[in-house]
């Protein structure tokens, strides 16, 4: 099975969710529609709304609720990307110029705010206070994760626990929330709700760790949809760097400190060589596999074997993807 199989199995749902997204992007302000559609229509895996649709299907959740939740999640995620690109001074996202590069930081921040607020309007339509509670908490946690990541910029002494806390807040929280909300809307018992939430958290962690590996193993900008070396130029300390810093020689450690302090993209190959020499890619991949194994354990509550297979594949895909 590959990711195209997921798309083929869920093609009807993907098309219908896209129509919902487009309807909720409608605005009497031309720039809002133009900017929102620019980033949402960019090539991407759309793994979060697809995950909502798959779990919704497994739990026999009515389509309208499932699709509205998928739109909410996609809007929250997209808003964080718009804000991230301003903070990180990014020039590429999903293989295209970033919104802030095309329209400026002001448009990127303000349209991100629009998508956040629109997501909360859709939450109200679901008429479920538990959903509001989960998603408002998730949105707040994501913001805290952004601040935590900012505090770790250039901090070469950042440890694994600090890194995992950042990505749990920034990335895994939204995966966890979407899985839990789907279970809540479907009226599942506490055991199913808890296990699906943990499944979301675990694949979210694996997904982000895999992203951080790709930053050092990708062969081209096109493969990862952004510029190779962006993490370095942004002073981000990710797990491959942490393992390398902990396991390299004293001489290499001084080199790594200088590289992070100077943030020169031309030093990227030196950084990557040290990461490879210290076997840090394998250490990082092994950590991601731990979370995938945990996610698969959580799926024992899913009775539909066909859907369970799709969710198992998504867990594997989070670490085996090449882009």
C-alpha atoms as a PDB file:
ATOM      1  CA  UNK A   1       0.000   0.000   0.000  1.00  0.00           C
ATOM      2  CA  UNK A   2       1.196   3.547  -0.735  1.00  0.00           C
ATOM      3  CA  UNK A   3      -0.254   7.008  -0.109  1.00  0.00           C
ATOM      4  CA  UNK A   4      -1.980   6.943  -3.512  1.00  0.00           C
ATOM      5  CA  UNK A   5      -3.984   3.963  -2.245  1.00  0.00           C
ATOM      6  CA  UNK A   6      -5.276   6.117   0.616  1.00  0.00           C
ATOM      7  CA  UNK A   7      -6.236   8.830  -1.857  1.00  0.00           C
ATOM      8  CA  UNK A   8      -7.998   6.304  -4.100  1.00  0.00           C
ATOM      9  CA  UNK A   9      -9.936   4.763  -1.200  1.00  0.00           C
ATOM     10  CA  UNK A  10     -10.980   8.159   0.122  1.00  0.00           C
ATOM     11  CA  UNK A  11     -11.317  10.052  -3.193  1.00  0.00           C
ATOM     12  CA  UNK A  12     -15.031  10.768  -2.763  1.00  0.00           C
ATOM     13  CA  UNK A  13     -14.515  12.105   0.754  1.00  0.00           C
ATOM     14  CA  UNK A  14     -11.477  14.171  -0.303  1.00  0.00           C
ATOM     15  CA  UNK A  15     -13.456  15.812  -3.112  1.00  0.00           C
ATOM     16  CA  UNK A  16     -16.373  16.575  -0.812  1.00  0.00           C
ATOM     17  CA  UNK A  17     -14.094  18.021   1.905  1.00  0.00           C
ATOM     18  CA  UNK A  18     -12.426  20.236  -0.724  1.00  0.00           C
ATOM     19  CA  UNK A  19     -15.862  21.626  -1.633  1.00  0.00           C
ATOM     20  CA  UNK A  20     -16.528  22.391   2.050  1.00  0.00           C
ATOM     21  CA  UNK A  21     -13.148  24.124   2.356  1.00  0.00           C
ATOM     22  CA  UNK A  22     -13.853  26.288  -0.686  1.00  0.00           C
ATOM     23  CA  UNK A  23     -17.292  27.272   0.593  1.00  0.00           C
ATOM     24  CA  UNK A  24     -15.884  28.391   3.947  1.00  0.00           C
ATOM     25  CA  UNK A  25     -13.135  30.408   2.251  1.00  0.00           C
ATOM     26  CA  UNK A  26     -15.660  32.651   0.546  1.00  0.00           C
ATOM     27  CA  UNK A  27     -15.259  36.264   1.629  1.00  0.00           C
ATOM     28  CA  UNK A  28     -16.271  39.714   0.455  1.00  0.00           C
ATOM     29  CA  UNK A  29     -12.622  40.712   0.899  1.00  0.00           C
ATOM     30  CA  UNK A  30     -10.799  39.716  -2.287  1.00  0.00           C
ATOM     31  CA  UNK A  31      -7.330  39.448  -0.707  1.00  0.00           C
ATOM     32  CA  UNK A  32      -8.575  37.011   1.945  1.00  0.00           C
ATOM     33  CA  UNK A  33      -9.913  34.604  -0.684  1.00  0.00           C
ATOM     34  CA  UNK A  34      -6.854  34.976  -2.897  1.00  0.00           C
ATOM     35  CA  UNK A  35      -4.301  34.375  -0.132  1.00  0.00           C
ATOM     36  CA  UNK A  36      -6.267  31.579   1.568  1.00  0.00           C
ATOM     37  CA  UNK A  37      -6.790  29.653  -1.657  1.00  0.00           C
ATOM     38  CA  UNK A  38      -3.155  30.181  -2.639  1.00  0.00           C
ATOM     39  CA  UNK A  39      -1.827  28.252   0.340  1.00  0.00           C
ATOM     40  CA  UNK A  40      -4.669  25.740   0.757  1.00  0.00           C
ATOM     41  CA  UNK A  41      -4.596  24.812  -2.953  1.00  0.00           C
ATOM     42  CA  UNK A  42      -0.817  24.306  -2.872  1.00  0.00           C
ATOM     43  CA  UNK A  43       0.286  20.668  -3.342  1.00  0.00           C
ATOM     44  CA  UNK A  44       0.149  18.876   0.006  1.00  0.00           C
ATOM     45  CA  UNK A  45      -0.800  15.512   1.459  1.00  0.00           C
ATOM     46  CA  UNK A  46      -3.787  16.947   3.370  1.00  0.00           C
ATOM     47  CA  UNK A  47      -3.117  14.193   5.901  1.00  0.00           C
ATOM     48  CA  UNK A  48      -5.103  15.875   8.704  1.00  0.00           C
ATOM     49  CA  UNK A  49      -8.491  16.235   6.945  1.00  0.00           C
ATOM     50  CA  UNK A  50      -8.029  12.797   5.390  1.00  0.00           C
ATOM     51  CA  UNK A  51      -7.416  11.363   8.860  1.00  0.00           C
ATOM     52  CA  UNK A  52     -10.659  12.962  10.098  1.00  0.00           C
ATOM     53  CA  UNK A  53     -12.533  11.401   7.172  1.00  0.00           C
ATOM     54  CA  UNK A  54     -11.031   7.941   7.708  1.00  0.00           C
ATOM     55  CA  UNK A  55     -11.782   7.860  11.437  1.00  0.00           C
ATOM     56  CA  UNK A  56     -15.208   9.376  10.847  1.00  0.00           C
ATOM     57  CA  UNK A  57     -15.930   6.573   8.401  1.00  0.00           C
ATOM     58  CA  UNK A  58     -14.771   3.958  10.917  1.00  0.00           C
ATOM     59  CA  UNK A  59     -17.068   5.407  13.585  1.00  0.00           C
ATOM     60  CA  UNK A  60     -20.058   5.936  11.254  1.00  0.00           C
ATOM     61  CA  UNK A  61     -19.987   9.674  11.939  1.00  0.00           C
ATOM     62  CA  UNK A  62     -22.408  11.643   9.783  1.00  0.00           C
ATOM     63  CA  UNK A  63     -20.600  13.282   6.881  1.00  0.00           C
ATOM     64  CA  UNK A  64     -21.543  16.881   7.576  1.00  0.00           C
ATOM     65  CA  UNK A  65     -20.003  16.791  11.052  1.00  0.00           C
ATOM     66  CA  UNK A  66     -16.937  14.916   9.806  1.00  0.00           C
ATOM     67  CA  UNK A  67     -16.356  17.366   6.960  1.00  0.00           C
ATOM     68  CA  UNK A  68     -16.855  20.450   9.106  1.00  0.00           C
ATOM     69  CA  UNK A  69     -14.322  19.098  11.588  1.00  0.00           C
ATOM     70  CA  UNK A  70     -11.909  18.412   8.712  1.00  0.00           C
ATOM     71  CA  UNK A  71     -12.248  22.034   7.552  1.00  0.00           C
ATOM     72  CA  UNK A  72     -11.672  23.340  11.092  1.00  0.00           C
ATOM     73  CA  UNK A  73      -8.493  21.298  11.436  1.00  0.00           C
ATOM     74  CA  UNK A  74      -7.194  22.327   8.006  1.00  0.00           C
ATOM     75  CA  UNK A  75      -7.864  26.020   8.744  1.00  0.00           C
ATOM     76  CA  UNK A  76      -6.108  25.890  12.117  1.00  0.00           C
ATOM     77  CA  UNK A  77      -3.146  24.101  10.562  1.00  0.00           C
ATOM     78  CA  UNK A  78      -2.953  26.545   7.650  1.00  0.00           C
ATOM     79  CA  UNK A  79      -3.143  29.529  10.004  1.00  0.00           C
ATOM     80  CA  UNK A  80      -0.152  28.192  11.935  1.00  0.00           C
ATOM     81  CA  UNK A  81       1.790  27.832   8.665  1.00  0.00           C
ATOM     82  CA  UNK A  82       1.055  31.422   7.686  1.00  0.00           C
ATOM     83  CA  UNK A  83       2.253  32.683  11.058  1.00  0.00           C
ATOM     84  CA  UNK A  84       5.245  30.281  11.126  1.00  0.00           C
ATOM     85  CA  UNK A  85       6.535  31.543   7.809  1.00  0.00           C
ATOM     86  CA  UNK A  86       6.595  35.106   9.120  1.00  0.00           C
ATOM     87  CA  UNK A  87       8.406  34.114  12.308  1.00  0.00           C
ATOM     88  CA  UNK A  88      10.860  31.873  10.434  1.00  0.00           C
ATOM     89  CA  UNK A  89      11.367  34.299   7.523  1.00  0.00           C
ATOM     90  CA  UNK A  90      10.627  31.358   5.213  1.00  0.00           C
ATOM     91  CA  UNK A  91      10.635  31.747   1.440  1.00  0.00           C
ATOM     92  CA  UNK A  92       9.208  28.364   0.393  1.00  0.00           C
ATOM     93  CA  UNK A  93       6.217  26.357   1.569  1.00  0.00           C
ATOM     94  CA  UNK A  94       4.684  23.316  -0.149  1.00  0.00           C
ATOM     95  CA  UNK A  95       6.934  23.929  -3.147  1.00  0.00           C
ATOM     96  CA  UNK A  96       5.696  27.487  -3.711  1.00  0.00           C
ATOM     97  CA  UNK A  97       6.782  30.933  -2.597  1.00  0.00           C
ATOM     98  CA  UNK A  98       5.368  31.613   0.863  1.00  0.00           C
ATOM     99  CA  UNK A  99       2.469  34.007   1.310  1.00  0.00           C
ATOM    100  CA  UNK A 100       4.671  36.472   3.173  1.00  0.00           C
ATOM    101  CA  UNK A 101       7.119  36.478   0.258  1.00  0.00           C
ATOM    102  CA  UNK A 102       4.346  37.145  -2.281  1.00  0.00           C
ATOM    103  CA  UNK A 103       2.049  39.508  -0.353  1.00  0.00           C
ATOM    104  CA  UNK A 104       4.125  40.536   2.667  1.00  0.00           C
ATOM    105  CA  UNK A 105       4.142  39.735   6.389  1.00  0.00           C
ATOM    106  CA  UNK A 106       1.025  41.800   7.091  1.00  0.00           C
ATOM    107  CA  UNK A 107      -1.169  39.780   4.718  1.00  0.00           C
ATOM    108  CA  UNK A 108       0.262  36.493   5.988  1.00  0.00           C
ATOM    109  CA  UNK A 109      -0.468  37.304   9.641  1.00  0.00           C
ATOM    110  CA  UNK A 110      -3.904  38.800   9.027  1.00  0.00           C
ATOM    111  CA  UNK A 111      -5.157  36.026   6.747  1.00  0.00           C
ATOM    112  CA  UNK A 112      -3.857  33.541   9.315  1.00  0.00           C
ATOM    113  CA  UNK A 113      -6.003  35.358  11.877  1.00  0.00           C
ATOM    114  CA  UNK A 114      -8.962  35.123   9.501  1.00  0.00           C
ATOM    115  CA  UNK A 115      -8.551  31.351   9.182  1.00  0.00           C
ATOM    116  CA  UNK A 116      -8.271  30.949  12.965  1.00  0.00           C
ATOM    117  CA  UNK A 117     -11.439  32.947  13.547  1.00  0.00           C
ATOM    118  CA  UNK A 118     -13.306  31.210  10.725  1.00  0.00           C
ATOM    119  CA  UNK A 119     -12.413  27.835  12.259  1.00  0.00           C
ATOM    120  CA  UNK A 120     -14.065  28.924  15.508  1.00  0.00           C
ATOM    121  CA  UNK A 121     -17.182  30.021  13.641  1.00  0.00           C
ATOM    122  CA  UNK A 122     -17.444  26.505  12.209  1.00  0.00           C
ATOM    123  CA  UNK A 123     -16.905  25.017  15.681  1.00  0.00           C
ATOM    124  CA  UNK A 124     -19.989  26.893  16.842  1.00  0.00           C
ATOM    125  CA  UNK A 125     -21.968  25.278  14.012  1.00  0.00           C
ATOM    126  CA  UNK A 126     -21.154  21.857  15.460  1.00  0.00           C
ATOM    127  CA  UNK A 127     -23.049  22.870  18.635  1.00  0.00           C
ATOM    128  CA  UNK A 128     -20.874  20.804  20.960  1.00  0.00           C
ATOM    129  CA  UNK A 129     -19.129  22.447  23.916  1.00  0.00           C
ATOM    130  CA  UNK A 130     -16.781  19.498  24.354  1.00  0.00           C
ATOM    131  CA  UNK A 131     -15.477  20.076  20.827  1.00  0.00           C
ATOM    132  CA  UNK A 132     -15.017  23.782  21.598  1.00  0.00           C
ATOM    133  CA  UNK A 133     -13.129  22.849  24.756  1.00  0.00           C
ATOM    134  CA  UNK A 134     -10.771  20.401  23.007  1.00  0.00           C
ATOM    135  CA  UNK A 135     -10.025  22.634  20.021  1.00  0.00           C
ATOM    136  CA  UNK A 136      -9.655  25.892  21.932  1.00  0.00           C
ATOM    137  CA  UNK A 137      -7.210  24.141  24.268  1.00  0.00           C
ATOM    138  CA  UNK A 138      -5.368  22.670  21.271  1.00  0.00           C
ATOM    139  CA  UNK A 139      -5.073  26.082  19.603  1.00  0.00           C
ATOM    140  CA  UNK A 140      -3.683  27.585  22.796  1.00  0.00           C
ATOM    141  CA  UNK A 141      -1.227  24.700  23.176  1.00  0.00           C
ATOM    142  CA  UNK A 142       0.017  25.145  19.597  1.00  0.00           C
ATOM    143  CA  UNK A 143       0.718  28.808  20.352  1.00  0.00           C
ATOM    144  CA  UNK A 144       2.658  27.788  23.466  1.00  0.00           C
ATOM    145  CA  UNK A 145       4.636  25.365  21.326  1.00  0.00           C
ATOM    146  CA  UNK A 146       5.601  28.189  18.996  1.00  0.00           C
ATOM    147  CA  UNK A 147       6.903  30.201  21.947  1.00  0.00           C
ATOM    148  CA  UNK A 148       8.773  27.169  23.322  1.00  0.00           C
ATOM    149  CA  UNK A 149      10.421  26.649  19.945  1.00  0.00           C
ATOM    150  CA  UNK A 150      11.413  30.314  19.861  1.00  0.00           C
ATOM    151  CA  UNK A 151      13.064  29.896  23.268  1.00  0.00           C
ATOM    152  CA  UNK A 152      15.104  26.964  21.928  1.00  0.00           C
ATOM    153  CA  UNK A 153      16.407  28.819  18.864  1.00  0.00           C
ATOM    154  CA  UNK A 154      20.238  28.691  18.784  1.00  0.00           C
ATOM    155  CA  UNK A 155      20.272  26.783  22.106  1.00  0.00           C
ATOM    156  CA  UNK A 156      22.696  23.958  21.307  1.00  0.00           C
ATOM    157  CA  UNK A 157      22.228  22.449  24.772  1.00  0.00           C
ATOM    158  CA  UNK A 158      18.552  21.709  24.036  1.00  0.00           C
ATOM    159  CA  UNK A 159      17.851  18.123  25.114  1.00  0.00           C
ATOM    160  CA  UNK A 160      15.542  15.415  23.789  1.00  0.00           C
ATOM    161  CA  UNK A 161      12.818  16.050  26.388  1.00  0.00           C
ATOM    162  CA  UNK A 162      12.693  19.761  25.529  1.00  0.00           C
ATOM    163  CA  UNK A 163      12.545  18.979  21.818  1.00  0.00           C
ATOM    164  CA  UNK A 164       9.741  16.425  22.281  1.00  0.00           C
ATOM    165  CA  UNK A 165       7.758  18.914  24.334  1.00  0.00           C
ATOM    166  CA  UNK A 166       8.030  21.481  21.534  1.00  0.00           C
ATOM    167  CA  UNK A 167       6.834  19.108  18.812  1.00  0.00           C
ATOM    168  CA  UNK A 168       4.132  17.630  21.041  1.00  0.00           C
ATOM    169  CA  UNK A 169       2.710  21.111  21.509  1.00  0.00           C
ATOM    170  CA  UNK A 170       3.328  22.395  17.971  1.00  0.00           C
ATOM    171  CA  UNK A 171       2.424  19.364  15.855  1.00  0.00           C
ATOM    172  CA  UNK A 172       1.094  16.390  17.808  1.00  0.00           C
ATOM    173  CA  UNK A 173      -1.550  18.421  19.665  1.00  0.00           C
ATOM    174  CA  UNK A 174      -3.586  19.045  16.512  1.00  0.00           C
ATOM    175  CA  UNK A 175      -3.405  15.383  15.456  1.00  0.00           C
ATOM    176  CA  UNK A 176      -4.523  14.380  18.939  1.00  0.00           C
ATOM    177  CA  UNK A 177      -7.367  16.897  18.938  1.00  0.00           C
ATOM    178  CA  UNK A 178      -8.720  15.877  15.528  1.00  0.00           C
ATOM    179  CA  UNK A 179      -8.802  12.199  16.482  1.00  0.00           C
ATOM    180  CA  UNK A 180     -10.417  12.872  19.851  1.00  0.00           C
ATOM    181  CA  UNK A 181     -12.981  15.272  18.378  1.00  0.00           C
ATOM    182  CA  UNK A 182     -14.007  12.713  15.773  1.00  0.00           C
ATOM    183  CA  UNK A 183     -14.599  10.200  18.564  1.00  0.00           C
ATOM    184  CA  UNK A 184     -16.581  12.747  20.602  1.00  0.00           C
ATOM    185  CA  UNK A 185     -18.818  13.666  17.662  1.00  0.00           C
ATOM    186  CA  UNK A 186     -19.432   9.964  17.016  1.00  0.00           C
ATOM    187  CA  UNK A 187     -20.461   9.413  20.649  1.00  0.00           C
ATOM    188  CA  UNK A 188     -17.676   6.915  21.453  1.00  0.00           C
ATOM    189  CA  UNK A 189     -16.982   5.651  24.947  1.00  0.00           C
ATOM    190  CA  UNK A 190     -14.038   6.931  26.983  1.00  0.00           C
ATOM    191  CA  UNK A 191     -11.741   4.030  26.075  1.00  0.00           C
ATOM    192  CA  UNK A 192     -12.129   4.536  22.325  1.00  0.00           C
ATOM    193  CA  UNK A 193     -11.861   8.295  22.730  1.00  0.00           C
ATOM    194  CA  UNK A 194      -8.666   8.036  24.776  1.00  0.00           C
ATOM    195  CA  UNK A 195      -6.990   5.526  22.454  1.00  0.00           C
ATOM    196  CA  UNK A 196      -7.818   7.458  19.303  1.00  0.00           C
ATOM    197  CA  UNK A 197      -6.525  10.645  20.915  1.00  0.00           C
ATOM    198  CA  UNK A 198      -3.271   8.880  21.802  1.00  0.00           C
ATOM    199  CA  UNK A 199      -3.058   7.437  18.287  1.00  0.00           C
ATOM    200  CA  UNK A 200      -3.234  11.002  16.975  1.00  0.00           C
ATOM    201  CA  UNK A 201      -0.588  12.235  19.386  1.00  0.00           C
ATOM    202  CA  UNK A 202       1.771   9.367  18.559  1.00  0.00           C
ATOM    203  CA  UNK A 203       1.572   9.692  14.777  1.00  0.00           C
ATOM    204  CA  UNK A 204       1.856  13.468  15.133  1.00  0.00           C
ATOM    205  CA  UNK A 205       5.136  13.038  17.003  1.00  0.00           C
ATOM    206  CA  UNK A 206       6.372  10.481  14.462  1.00  0.00           C
ATOM    207  CA  UNK A 207       5.316  12.743  11.594  1.00  0.00           C
ATOM    208  CA  UNK A 208       7.260  15.747  12.904  1.00  0.00           C
ATOM    209  CA  UNK A 209      10.356  13.727  13.758  1.00  0.00           C
ATOM    210  CA  UNK A 210      10.275  12.335  10.221  1.00  0.00           C
ATOM    211  CA  UNK A 211      10.033  15.899   8.875  1.00  0.00           C
ATOM    212  CA  UNK A 212      13.138  16.815  10.833  1.00  0.00           C
ATOM    213  CA  UNK A 213      14.989  13.817   9.380  1.00  0.00           C
ATOM    214  CA  UNK A 214      14.003  14.860   5.847  1.00  0.00           C
ATOM    215  CA  UNK A 215      15.614  18.250   6.424  1.00  0.00           C
ATOM    216  CA  UNK A 216      18.955  16.412   6.465  1.00  0.00           C
ATOM    217  CA  UNK A 217      18.310  13.574   3.999  1.00  0.00           C
ATOM    218  CA  UNK A 218      16.374  15.308   1.201  1.00  0.00           C
ATOM    219  CA  UNK A 219      18.143  15.564  -2.142  1.00  0.00           C
ATOM    220  CA  UNK A 220      16.321  18.666  -3.373  1.00  0.00           C
ATOM    221  CA  UNK A 221      14.089  21.557  -2.309  1.00  0.00           C
ATOM    222  CA  UNK A 222      11.279  20.027  -4.361  1.00  0.00           C
ATOM    223  CA  UNK A 223      11.387  16.841  -2.286  1.00  0.00           C
ATOM    224  CA  UNK A 224      10.497  18.657   0.947  1.00  0.00           C
ATOM    225  CA  UNK A 225       8.622  21.622  -0.528  1.00  0.00           C
ATOM    226  CA  UNK A 226      10.917  24.180   1.106  1.00  0.00           C
ATOM    227  CA  UNK A 227      14.545  25.256   0.971  1.00  0.00           C
ATOM    228  CA  UNK A 228      17.073  22.728   2.257  1.00  0.00           C
ATOM    229  CA  UNK A 229      18.838  24.297   5.230  1.00  0.00           C
ATOM    230  CA  UNK A 230      15.851  26.349   6.398  1.00  0.00           C
ATOM    231  CA  UNK A 231      16.108  24.843   9.885  1.00  0.00           C
ATOM    232  CA  UNK A 232      19.762  25.853  10.047  1.00  0.00           C
ATOM    233  CA  UNK A 233      19.128  29.405   8.867  1.00  0.00           C
ATOM    234  CA  UNK A 234      16.346  29.665  11.442  1.00  0.00           C
ATOM    235  CA  UNK A 235      18.555  28.375  14.265  1.00  0.00           C
ATOM    236  CA  UNK A 236      16.153  25.469  14.944  1.00  0.00           C
ATOM    237  CA  UNK A 237      17.481  22.677  17.134  1.00  0.00           C
ATOM    238  CA  UNK A 238      15.883  19.408  16.050  1.00  0.00           C
ATOM    239  CA  UNK A 239      16.448  15.806  17.110  1.00  0.00           C
ATOM    240  CA  UNK A 240      19.148  14.900  14.531  1.00  0.00           C
ATOM    241  CA  UNK A 241      21.179  17.894  15.751  1.00  0.00           C
ATOM    242  CA  UNK A 242      20.587  17.027  19.416  1.00  0.00           C
ATOM    243  CA  UNK A 243      21.819  13.446  18.944  1.00  0.00           C
ATOM    244  CA  UNK A 244      24.814  14.671  16.953  1.00  0.00           C
ATOM    245  CA  UNK A 245      25.745  17.256  19.574  1.00  0.00           C
ATOM    246  CA  UNK A 246      25.536  14.637  22.317  1.00  0.00           C
ATOM    247  CA  UNK A 247      27.606  12.024  20.483  1.00  0.00           C
ATOM    248  CA  UNK A 248      30.243  13.935  18.537  1.00  0.00           C
ATOM    249  CA  UNK A 249      33.851  14.759  19.446  1.00  0.00           C
ATOM    250  CA  UNK A 250      34.808  17.938  21.308  1.00  0.00           C
ATOM    251  CA  UNK A 251      36.192  19.393  18.087  1.00  0.00           C
ATOM    252  CA  UNK A 252      32.949  18.633  16.229  1.00  0.00           C
ATOM    253  CA  UNK A 253      30.949  20.111  19.097  1.00  0.00           C
ATOM    254  CA  UNK A 254      32.757  23.438  18.696  1.00  0.00           C
ATOM    255  CA  UNK A 255      32.092  23.314  14.960  1.00  0.00           C
ATOM    256  CA  UNK A 256      28.372  22.739  15.603  1.00  0.00           C
ATOM    257  CA  UNK A 257      28.258  25.669  18.017  1.00  0.00           C
ATOM    258  CA  UNK A 258      29.813  27.953  15.403  1.00  0.00           C
ATOM    259  CA  UNK A 259      27.462  26.724  12.682  1.00  0.00           C
ATOM    260  CA  UNK A 260      24.354  27.411  14.777  1.00  0.00           C
ATOM    261  CA  UNK A 261      25.665  30.767  15.937  1.00  0.00           C
ATOM    262  CA  UNK A 262      26.446  31.927  12.381  1.00  0.00           C
ATOM    263  CA  UNK A 263      23.381  30.350  10.689  1.00  0.00           C
ATOM    264  CA  UNK A 264      25.058  30.248   7.268  1.00  0.00           C
ATOM    265  CA  UNK A 265      23.326  27.958   4.778  1.00  0.00           C
ATOM    266  CA  UNK A 266      26.682  27.283   3.120  1.00  0.00           C
ATOM    267  CA  UNK A 267      27.685  25.442   6.327  1.00  0.00           C
ATOM    268  CA  UNK A 268      24.791  23.017   5.927  1.00  0.00           C
ATOM    269  CA  UNK A 269      26.888  20.274   4.316  1.00  0.00           C
ATOM    270  CA  UNK A 270      29.346  20.357   7.232  1.00  0.00           C
ATOM    271  CA  UNK A 271      26.453  20.067   9.673  1.00  0.00           C
ATOM    272  CA  UNK A 272      24.891  17.224   7.696  1.00  0.00           C
ATOM    273  CA  UNK A 273      28.205  15.346   7.541  1.00  0.00           C
ATOM    274  CA  UNK A 274      28.552  15.467  11.342  1.00  0.00           C
ATOM    275  CA  UNK A 275      24.960  14.308  11.775  1.00  0.00           C
ATOM    276  CA  UNK A 276      25.576  11.361   9.451  1.00  0.00           C
ATOM    277  CA  UNK A 277      28.969  10.500  11.006  1.00  0.00           C
ATOM    278  CA  UNK A 278      27.416  10.319  14.489  1.00  0.00           C
ATOM    279  CA  UNK A 279      24.647   7.987  13.226  1.00  0.00           C
ATOM    280  CA  UNK A 280      22.116  10.572  14.371  1.00  0.00           C
ATOM    281  CA  UNK A 281      19.728   9.896  11.487  1.00  0.00           C
ATOM    282  CA  UNK A 282      19.255   6.296  12.641  1.00  0.00           C
ATOM    283  CA  UNK A 283      18.861   7.355  16.289  1.00  0.00           C
ATOM    284  CA  UNK A 284      16.189   9.831  15.215  1.00  0.00           C
ATOM    285  CA  UNK A 285      14.376   7.332  12.997  1.00  0.00           C
ATOM    286  CA  UNK A 286      14.376   4.794  15.843  1.00  0.00           C
ATOM    287  CA  UNK A 287      12.702   7.347  18.111  1.00  0.00           C
ATOM    288  CA  UNK A 288      10.006   7.951  15.482  1.00  0.00           C
ATOM    289  CA  UNK A 289       9.440   4.189  15.194  1.00  0.00           C
ATOM    290  CA  UNK A 290       8.752   4.021  18.942  1.00  0.00           C
ATOM    291  CA  UNK A 291       5.813   6.383  18.494  1.00  0.00           C
ATOM    292  CA  UNK A 292       4.523   4.454  15.466  1.00  0.00           C
ATOM    293  CA  UNK A 293       4.541   1.227  17.483  1.00  0.00           C
ATOM    294  CA  UNK A 294       2.595   2.949  20.258  1.00  0.00           C
ATOM    295  CA  UNK A 295       0.106   4.324  17.706  1.00  0.00           C
ATOM    296  CA  UNK A 296      -0.548   0.832  16.362  1.00  0.00           C
ATOM    297  CA  UNK A 297      -1.308  -0.383  19.881  1.00  0.00           C
ATOM    298  CA  UNK A 298      -3.892   2.393  20.218  1.00  0.00           C
ATOM    299  CA  UNK A 299      -5.663   1.132  17.086  1.00  0.00           C
ATOM    300  CA  UNK A 300      -6.817  -2.065  18.771  1.00  0.00           C
ATOM    301  CA  UNK A 301     -10.036  -0.220  19.632  1.00  0.00           C
ATOM    302  CA  UNK A 302     -10.908   0.150  15.904  1.00  0.00           C
ATOM    303  CA  UNK A 303     -13.216  -2.718  14.956  1.00  0.00           C
ATOM    304  CA  UNK A 304     -13.385  -2.091  11.198  1.00  0.00           C
ATOM    305  CA  UNK A 305     -10.432  -4.087   9.819  1.00  0.00           C
ATOM    306  CA  UNK A 306     -10.317  -2.223   6.493  1.00  0.00           C
ATOM    307  CA  UNK A 307     -10.232   1.181   8.218  1.00  0.00           C
ATOM    308  CA  UNK A 308      -7.782  -0.178  10.768  1.00  0.00           C
ATOM    309  CA  UNK A 309      -5.450  -1.130   7.914  1.00  0.00           C
ATOM    310  CA  UNK A 310      -5.645   2.398   6.494  1.00  0.00           C
ATOM    311  CA  UNK A 311      -4.843   3.910   9.892  1.00  0.00           C
ATOM    312  CA  UNK A 312      -1.988   1.442  10.375  1.00  0.00           C
ATOM    313  CA  UNK A 313      -0.643   2.483   6.999  1.00  0.00           C
ATOM    314  CA  UNK A 314      -0.867   6.172   7.918  1.00  0.00           C
ATOM    315  CA  UNK A 315       1.178   5.447  11.020  1.00  0.00           C
ATOM    316  CA  UNK A 316       3.842   3.735   8.885  1.00  0.00           C
ATOM    317  CA  UNK A 317       3.626   6.473   6.260  1.00  0.00           C
ATOM    318  CA  UNK A 318       4.468   9.093   8.878  1.00  0.00           C
ATOM    319  CA  UNK A 319       8.014   7.698   9.065  1.00  0.00           C
ATOM    320  CA  UNK A 320       8.529   6.070   5.657  1.00  0.00           C
ATOM    321  CA  UNK A 321       7.580   8.998   3.420  1.00  0.00           C
ATOM    322  CA  UNK A 322      10.213  10.596   1.236  1.00  0.00           C
ATOM    323  CA  UNK A 323       8.654  14.060   1.084  1.00  0.00           C
END
